[in-house]
């Protein structure tokens, strides 16, 4: 596959500030970066108009495309606490604004989460669906003001409910929101024992973005490719067979792990 279709994610990693991630992407011959819109990464509230122009220029100087991952730490668009749900929504809307200013292609958004204790309560899943659906309406309305595509991501298995684990879950949201795209996280899928080939086929043209990393099936480790059991060669083959032409981001936080992973995707 064309290495220019691959990018790296700007994780929180000791010694790696934002421009070093950009330099590493260029060094490895990757085509782009996914900017994490979290504090101490590419946090929108820390980046004023001048900072955003400068960052866009840095991306252009290295000939890198960009995507943005909406903040994940403490952000839950389906929170049962209205003030926290509103704060989470504000953070995600600001991430869309950052993507718009940078000329980024896509903003990745996590689905809502329901804590395990709430799942025992009657009607909680329906209420969470309504809370999250309202948030998506607002986020998508902001995205329509620019040229940004919003992509919702499947999650790893864990305690509680994260709303999207399967292609059927994904398609429920995609049917409800026609301009919403899908981000398929292959590492997350492996923790649910999902079949990546079937998942790619089920999403079809709604698949607009892919996250690639490895794990051993027990938890979301974000390992170097080849260190776990993710069927990523078959997944990449399925993407090609289904005509997928979008971006693929290596979500591997260790810079050395990225260096070790790039030869794998070059050979795929």
Protein backbone atom coordinates (compact mmCIF):
# COMPACT_ATOMS: atom_id res chain seq x y z
CA UNK A 1 0.00 0.00 0.00
CA UNK A 2 1.06 3.59 -0.61
CA UNK A 3 2.87 4.77 2.52
CA UNK A 4 1.53 8.27 1.96
CA UNK A 5 -1.91 6.99 2.99
CA UNK A 6 -0.54 6.17 6.45
CA UNK A 7 -0.10 8.61 9.29
CA UNK A 8 0.87 8.54 12.94
CA UNK A 9 -0.95 9.68 16.05
CA UNK A 10 0.56 12.41 18.25
CA UNK A 11 0.35 10.56 21.55
CA UNK A 12 1.36 11.89 24.95
CA UNK A 13 4.87 10.42 25.09
CA UNK A 14 7.84 11.68 27.11
CA UNK A 15 10.10 13.92 25.06
CA UNK A 16 7.75 14.05 22.07
CA UNK A 17 6.20 17.48 21.59
CA UNK A 18 3.99 18.19 18.61
CA UNK A 19 6.64 19.28 16.11
CA UNK A 20 8.77 16.24 16.89
CA UNK A 21 5.84 14.04 15.90
CA UNK A 22 5.55 15.94 12.63
CA UNK A 23 9.26 15.50 12.01
CA UNK A 24 9.01 11.77 12.75
CA UNK A 25 6.14 11.35 10.28
CA UNK A 26 8.20 13.03 7.58
CA UNK A 27 11.30 11.00 8.52
CA UNK A 28 9.38 7.73 8.19
CA UNK A 29 7.91 8.71 4.83
CA UNK A 30 4.35 8.78 6.17
CA UNK A 31 1.77 11.00 4.57
CA UNK A 32 0.14 12.56 7.60
CA UNK A 33 -0.56 12.89 11.30
CA UNK A 34 -3.56 12.55 13.57
CA UNK A 35 -3.48 15.37 16.10
CA UNK A 36 -4.74 14.48 19.56
CA UNK A 37 -6.87 17.40 20.76
CA UNK A 38 -6.00 16.82 24.41
CA UNK A 39 -4.12 19.10 26.83
CA UNK A 40 -0.35 18.95 26.27
CA UNK A 41 -0.91 17.61 22.76
CA UNK A 42 -2.86 19.77 20.27
CA UNK A 43 -5.42 21.21 22.65
CA UNK A 44 -7.68 23.74 20.89
CA UNK A 45 -7.83 26.10 23.88
CA UNK A 46 -4.03 26.35 23.85
CA UNK A 47 -3.88 27.19 20.15
CA UNK A 48 -4.91 30.73 19.22
CA UNK A 49 -5.34 31.97 15.64
CA UNK A 50 -1.62 32.61 15.21
CA UNK A 51 -0.70 29.21 16.60
CA UNK A 52 -3.13 27.53 14.25
CA UNK A 53 -1.75 29.35 11.22
CA UNK A 54 1.77 28.38 12.26
CA UNK A 55 0.77 24.73 12.77
CA UNK A 56 -0.93 24.63 9.38
CA UNK A 57 2.23 26.03 7.84
CA UNK A 58 4.34 23.39 9.60
CA UNK A 59 2.11 20.66 8.19
CA UNK A 60 2.32 22.15 4.70
CA UNK A 61 6.11 22.54 4.94
CA UNK A 62 6.41 18.79 5.57
CA UNK A 63 3.71 17.95 3.00
CA UNK A 64 1.59 16.20 5.64
CA UNK A 65 -2.17 15.76 5.65
CA UNK A 66 -3.86 15.88 9.04
CA UNK A 67 -6.80 14.49 10.93
CA UNK A 68 -7.89 15.38 14.47
CA UNK A 69 -8.88 13.03 17.27
CA UNK A 70 -11.38 14.72 19.58
CA UNK A 71 -10.22 14.70 23.23
CA UNK A 72 -10.65 11.44 25.10
CA UNK A 73 -9.55 12.07 28.69
CA UNK A 74 -12.66 12.55 30.82
CA UNK A 75 -14.84 13.28 27.79
CA UNK A 76 -18.18 11.44 27.62
CA UNK A 77 -20.86 12.76 25.30
CA UNK A 78 -23.44 10.47 26.93
CA UNK A 79 -22.71 11.43 30.53
CA UNK A 80 -25.80 11.30 32.76
CA UNK A 81 -24.55 14.47 34.46
CA UNK A 82 -25.85 17.36 32.33
CA UNK A 83 -23.01 19.74 33.18
CA UNK A 84 -20.38 17.13 32.25
CA UNK A 85 -22.18 16.19 29.04
CA UNK A 86 -22.30 19.88 28.09
CA UNK A 87 -18.61 20.33 28.87
CA UNK A 88 -17.72 17.25 26.81
CA UNK A 89 -19.76 18.56 23.90
CA UNK A 90 -17.96 21.90 24.07
CA UNK A 91 -14.58 20.14 23.93
CA UNK A 92 -15.55 18.09 20.86
CA UNK A 93 -17.02 21.11 19.04
CA UNK A 94 -13.77 22.98 19.66
CA UNK A 95 -11.84 20.04 18.17
CA UNK A 96 -13.96 20.35 15.03
CA UNK A 97 -13.13 24.04 14.89
CA UNK A 98 -9.42 23.26 15.18
CA UNK A 99 -9.69 20.76 12.34
CA UNK A 100 -11.46 23.36 10.22
CA UNK A 101 -8.71 25.92 10.83
CA UNK A 102 -5.95 23.42 10.02
CA UNK A 103 -7.59 22.06 6.88
CA UNK A 104 -7.81 18.62 8.46
CA UNK A 105 -9.79 15.94 6.68
CA UNK A 106 -11.53 14.19 9.54
CA UNK A 107 -12.38 14.50 13.23
CA UNK A 108 -12.59 11.19 15.08
CA UNK A 109 -15.13 11.04 17.91
CA UNK A 110 -15.58 8.31 20.52
CA UNK A 111 -19.10 7.01 21.17
CA UNK A 112 -20.78 7.67 24.48
CA UNK A 113 -20.01 5.56 27.54
CA UNK A 114 -22.38 4.22 30.20
CA UNK A 115 -20.86 3.05 33.48
CA UNK A 116 -21.64 -0.48 34.53
CA UNK A 117 -23.75 0.55 37.55
CA UNK A 118 -26.10 2.57 35.32
CA UNK A 119 -26.63 -0.35 32.94
CA UNK A 120 -28.72 -2.12 35.57
CA UNK A 121 -31.26 0.75 35.57
CA UNK A 122 -34.35 0.51 33.39
CA UNK A 123 -34.14 2.55 30.20
CA UNK A 124 -30.58 3.77 30.71
CA UNK A 125 -29.37 2.62 27.28
CA UNK A 126 -32.21 4.51 25.60
CA UNK A 127 -31.48 7.64 27.62
CA UNK A 128 -27.78 7.41 26.78
CA UNK A 129 -28.66 7.00 23.10
CA UNK A 130 -30.73 10.19 23.24
CA UNK A 131 -28.00 12.13 25.03
CA UNK A 132 -25.35 11.02 22.57
CA UNK A 133 -27.59 11.57 19.55
CA UNK A 134 -28.20 15.16 20.64
CA UNK A 135 -24.44 15.68 20.97
CA UNK A 136 -23.82 14.27 17.51
CA UNK A 137 -26.42 16.61 16.01
CA UNK A 138 -24.53 19.58 17.43
CA UNK A 139 -21.11 18.28 16.39
CA UNK A 140 -22.26 17.53 12.85
CA UNK A 141 -23.89 20.95 12.54
CA UNK A 142 -20.53 22.55 13.41
CA UNK A 143 -18.72 20.32 10.93
CA UNK A 144 -21.10 21.33 8.13
CA UNK A 145 -19.92 24.93 8.49
CA UNK A 146 -16.55 23.84 7.08
CA UNK A 147 -15.14 20.94 5.12
CA UNK A 148 -14.57 18.52 8.00
CA UNK A 149 -15.96 14.97 8.08
CA UNK A 150 -16.87 13.53 11.47
CA UNK A 151 -16.09 9.83 11.97
CA UNK A 152 -17.34 7.81 14.92
CA UNK A 153 -15.05 5.07 16.23
CA UNK A 154 -15.72 1.55 17.51
CA UNK A 155 -14.41 0.92 21.04
CA UNK A 156 -12.56 -1.83 22.86
CA UNK A 157 -14.33 -4.18 25.22
CA UNK A 158 -14.23 -3.07 28.85
CA UNK A 159 -16.42 -2.37 31.86
CA UNK A 160 -19.68 -0.66 31.07
CA UNK A 161 -21.02 0.04 27.59
CA UNK A 162 -19.35 2.11 24.89
CA UNK A 163 -22.20 1.94 22.36
CA UNK A 164 -20.18 0.72 19.34
CA UNK A 165 -18.45 -2.67 19.31
CA UNK A 166 -19.80 -4.26 16.12
CA UNK A 167 -20.52 -3.25 12.55
CA UNK A 168 -24.25 -3.45 13.39
CA UNK A 169 -23.69 -0.94 16.21
CA UNK A 170 -21.76 1.29 13.84
CA UNK A 171 -24.42 1.13 11.15
CA UNK A 172 -27.18 2.07 13.61
CA UNK A 173 -25.51 5.47 14.03
CA UNK A 174 -24.60 5.79 10.36
CA UNK A 175 -28.24 5.14 9.39
CA UNK A 176 -29.42 7.79 11.85
CA UNK A 177 -26.86 10.40 10.71
CA UNK A 178 -26.25 10.14 6.94
CA UNK A 179 -23.29 12.56 6.87
CA UNK A 180 -21.50 10.73 9.68
CA UNK A 181 -18.57 8.51 8.69
CA UNK A 182 -17.04 5.45 10.37
CA UNK A 183 -13.59 5.09 11.89
CA UNK A 184 -12.63 1.43 12.23
CA UNK A 185 -10.11 0.79 15.00
CA UNK A 186 -8.61 -2.62 14.27
CA UNK A 187 -6.97 -2.90 17.68
CA UNK A 188 -10.24 -2.21 19.47
CA UNK A 189 -11.98 -4.75 17.25
CA UNK A 190 -9.49 -7.45 18.24
CA UNK A 191 -10.45 -7.11 21.92
CA UNK A 192 -14.07 -7.95 20.98
CA UNK A 193 -12.98 -10.93 18.83
CA UNK A 194 -14.47 -9.24 15.78
CA UNK A 195 -13.67 -10.21 12.19
CA UNK A 196 -11.98 -7.27 10.43
CA UNK A 197 -12.71 -8.59 6.94
CA UNK A 198 -16.44 -8.86 7.65
CA UNK A 199 -16.44 -5.49 9.43
CA UNK A 200 -14.85 -3.71 6.47
CA UNK A 201 -17.38 -5.26 4.11
CA UNK A 202 -20.31 -4.33 6.39
CA UNK A 203 -19.32 -0.65 6.55
CA UNK A 204 -18.69 -0.31 2.83
CA UNK A 205 -18.38 3.27 1.59
CA UNK A 206 -19.25 4.61 5.03
CA UNK A 207 -15.74 3.70 6.21
CA UNK A 208 -13.66 6.88 5.96
CA UNK A 209 -10.82 6.35 8.44
CA UNK A 210 -8.83 3.49 10.01
CA UNK A 211 -6.74 3.11 13.18
CA UNK A 212 -4.07 0.42 13.14
CA UNK A 213 -2.16 -1.00 16.12
CA UNK A 214 -1.64 -4.37 17.77
CA UNK A 215 -2.64 -6.14 21.00
CA UNK A 216 -2.98 -9.65 22.39
CA UNK A 217 -6.76 -9.58 22.57
CA UNK A 218 -7.05 -8.92 26.29
CA UNK A 219 -6.76 -5.13 26.41
CA UNK A 220 -6.09 -2.08 24.27
CA UNK A 221 -2.27 -2.18 24.43
CA UNK A 222 -1.39 -0.16 21.29
CA UNK A 223 1.57 -2.42 20.56
CA UNK A 224 3.99 -2.39 17.66
CA UNK A 225 2.68 -4.32 14.67
CA UNK A 226 3.61 -7.97 14.95
CA UNK A 227 3.70 -8.03 18.76
CA UNK A 228 0.06 -9.13 19.15
CA UNK A 229 -2.62 -11.05 17.35
CA UNK A 230 -4.47 -8.39 15.32
CA UNK A 231 -5.12 -9.75 11.83
CA UNK A 232 -3.89 -6.56 10.26
CA UNK A 233 -2.48 -8.11 7.04
CA UNK A 234 -5.91 -9.57 6.27
CA UNK A 235 -7.52 -6.27 7.24
CA UNK A 236 -5.31 -4.29 4.88
CA UNK A 237 -6.05 -6.78 2.13
CA UNK A 238 -9.78 -6.41 2.79
CA UNK A 239 -9.49 -2.63 2.65
CA UNK A 240 -7.86 -2.87 -0.76
CA UNK A 241 -10.37 -5.41 -2.02
CA UNK A 242 -13.25 -3.15 -0.97
CA UNK A 243 -11.76 -0.12 -2.69
CA UNK A 244 -10.94 1.79 0.48
CA UNK A 245 -8.87 4.83 -0.41
CA UNK A 246 -8.89 6.75 2.87
CA UNK A 247 -6.35 7.41 5.60
CA UNK A 248 -4.85 4.80 7.94
CA UNK A 249 -3.33 6.03 11.20
CA UNK A 250 -0.76 4.02 13.14
CA UNK A 251 -1.90 4.50 16.74
CA UNK A 252 1.38 3.41 18.29
CA UNK A 253 2.66 5.69 21.07
CA UNK A 254 6.28 4.48 21.15
CA UNK A 255 8.35 6.21 18.43
CA UNK A 256 10.60 3.15 18.16
CA UNK A 257 7.50 0.99 17.77
CA UNK A 258 6.46 3.19 14.86
CA UNK A 259 9.87 2.77 13.25
CA UNK A 260 9.55 -0.99 13.58
CA UNK A 261 5.98 -1.01 12.23
CA UNK A 262 6.52 0.99 9.05
CA UNK A 263 8.37 -1.84 7.20
CA UNK A 264 5.39 -4.12 7.89
CA UNK A 265 2.94 -1.81 6.16
CA UNK A 266 5.37 -1.13 3.31
CA UNK A 267 5.38 -4.85 2.59
CA UNK A 268 1.62 -5.29 2.95
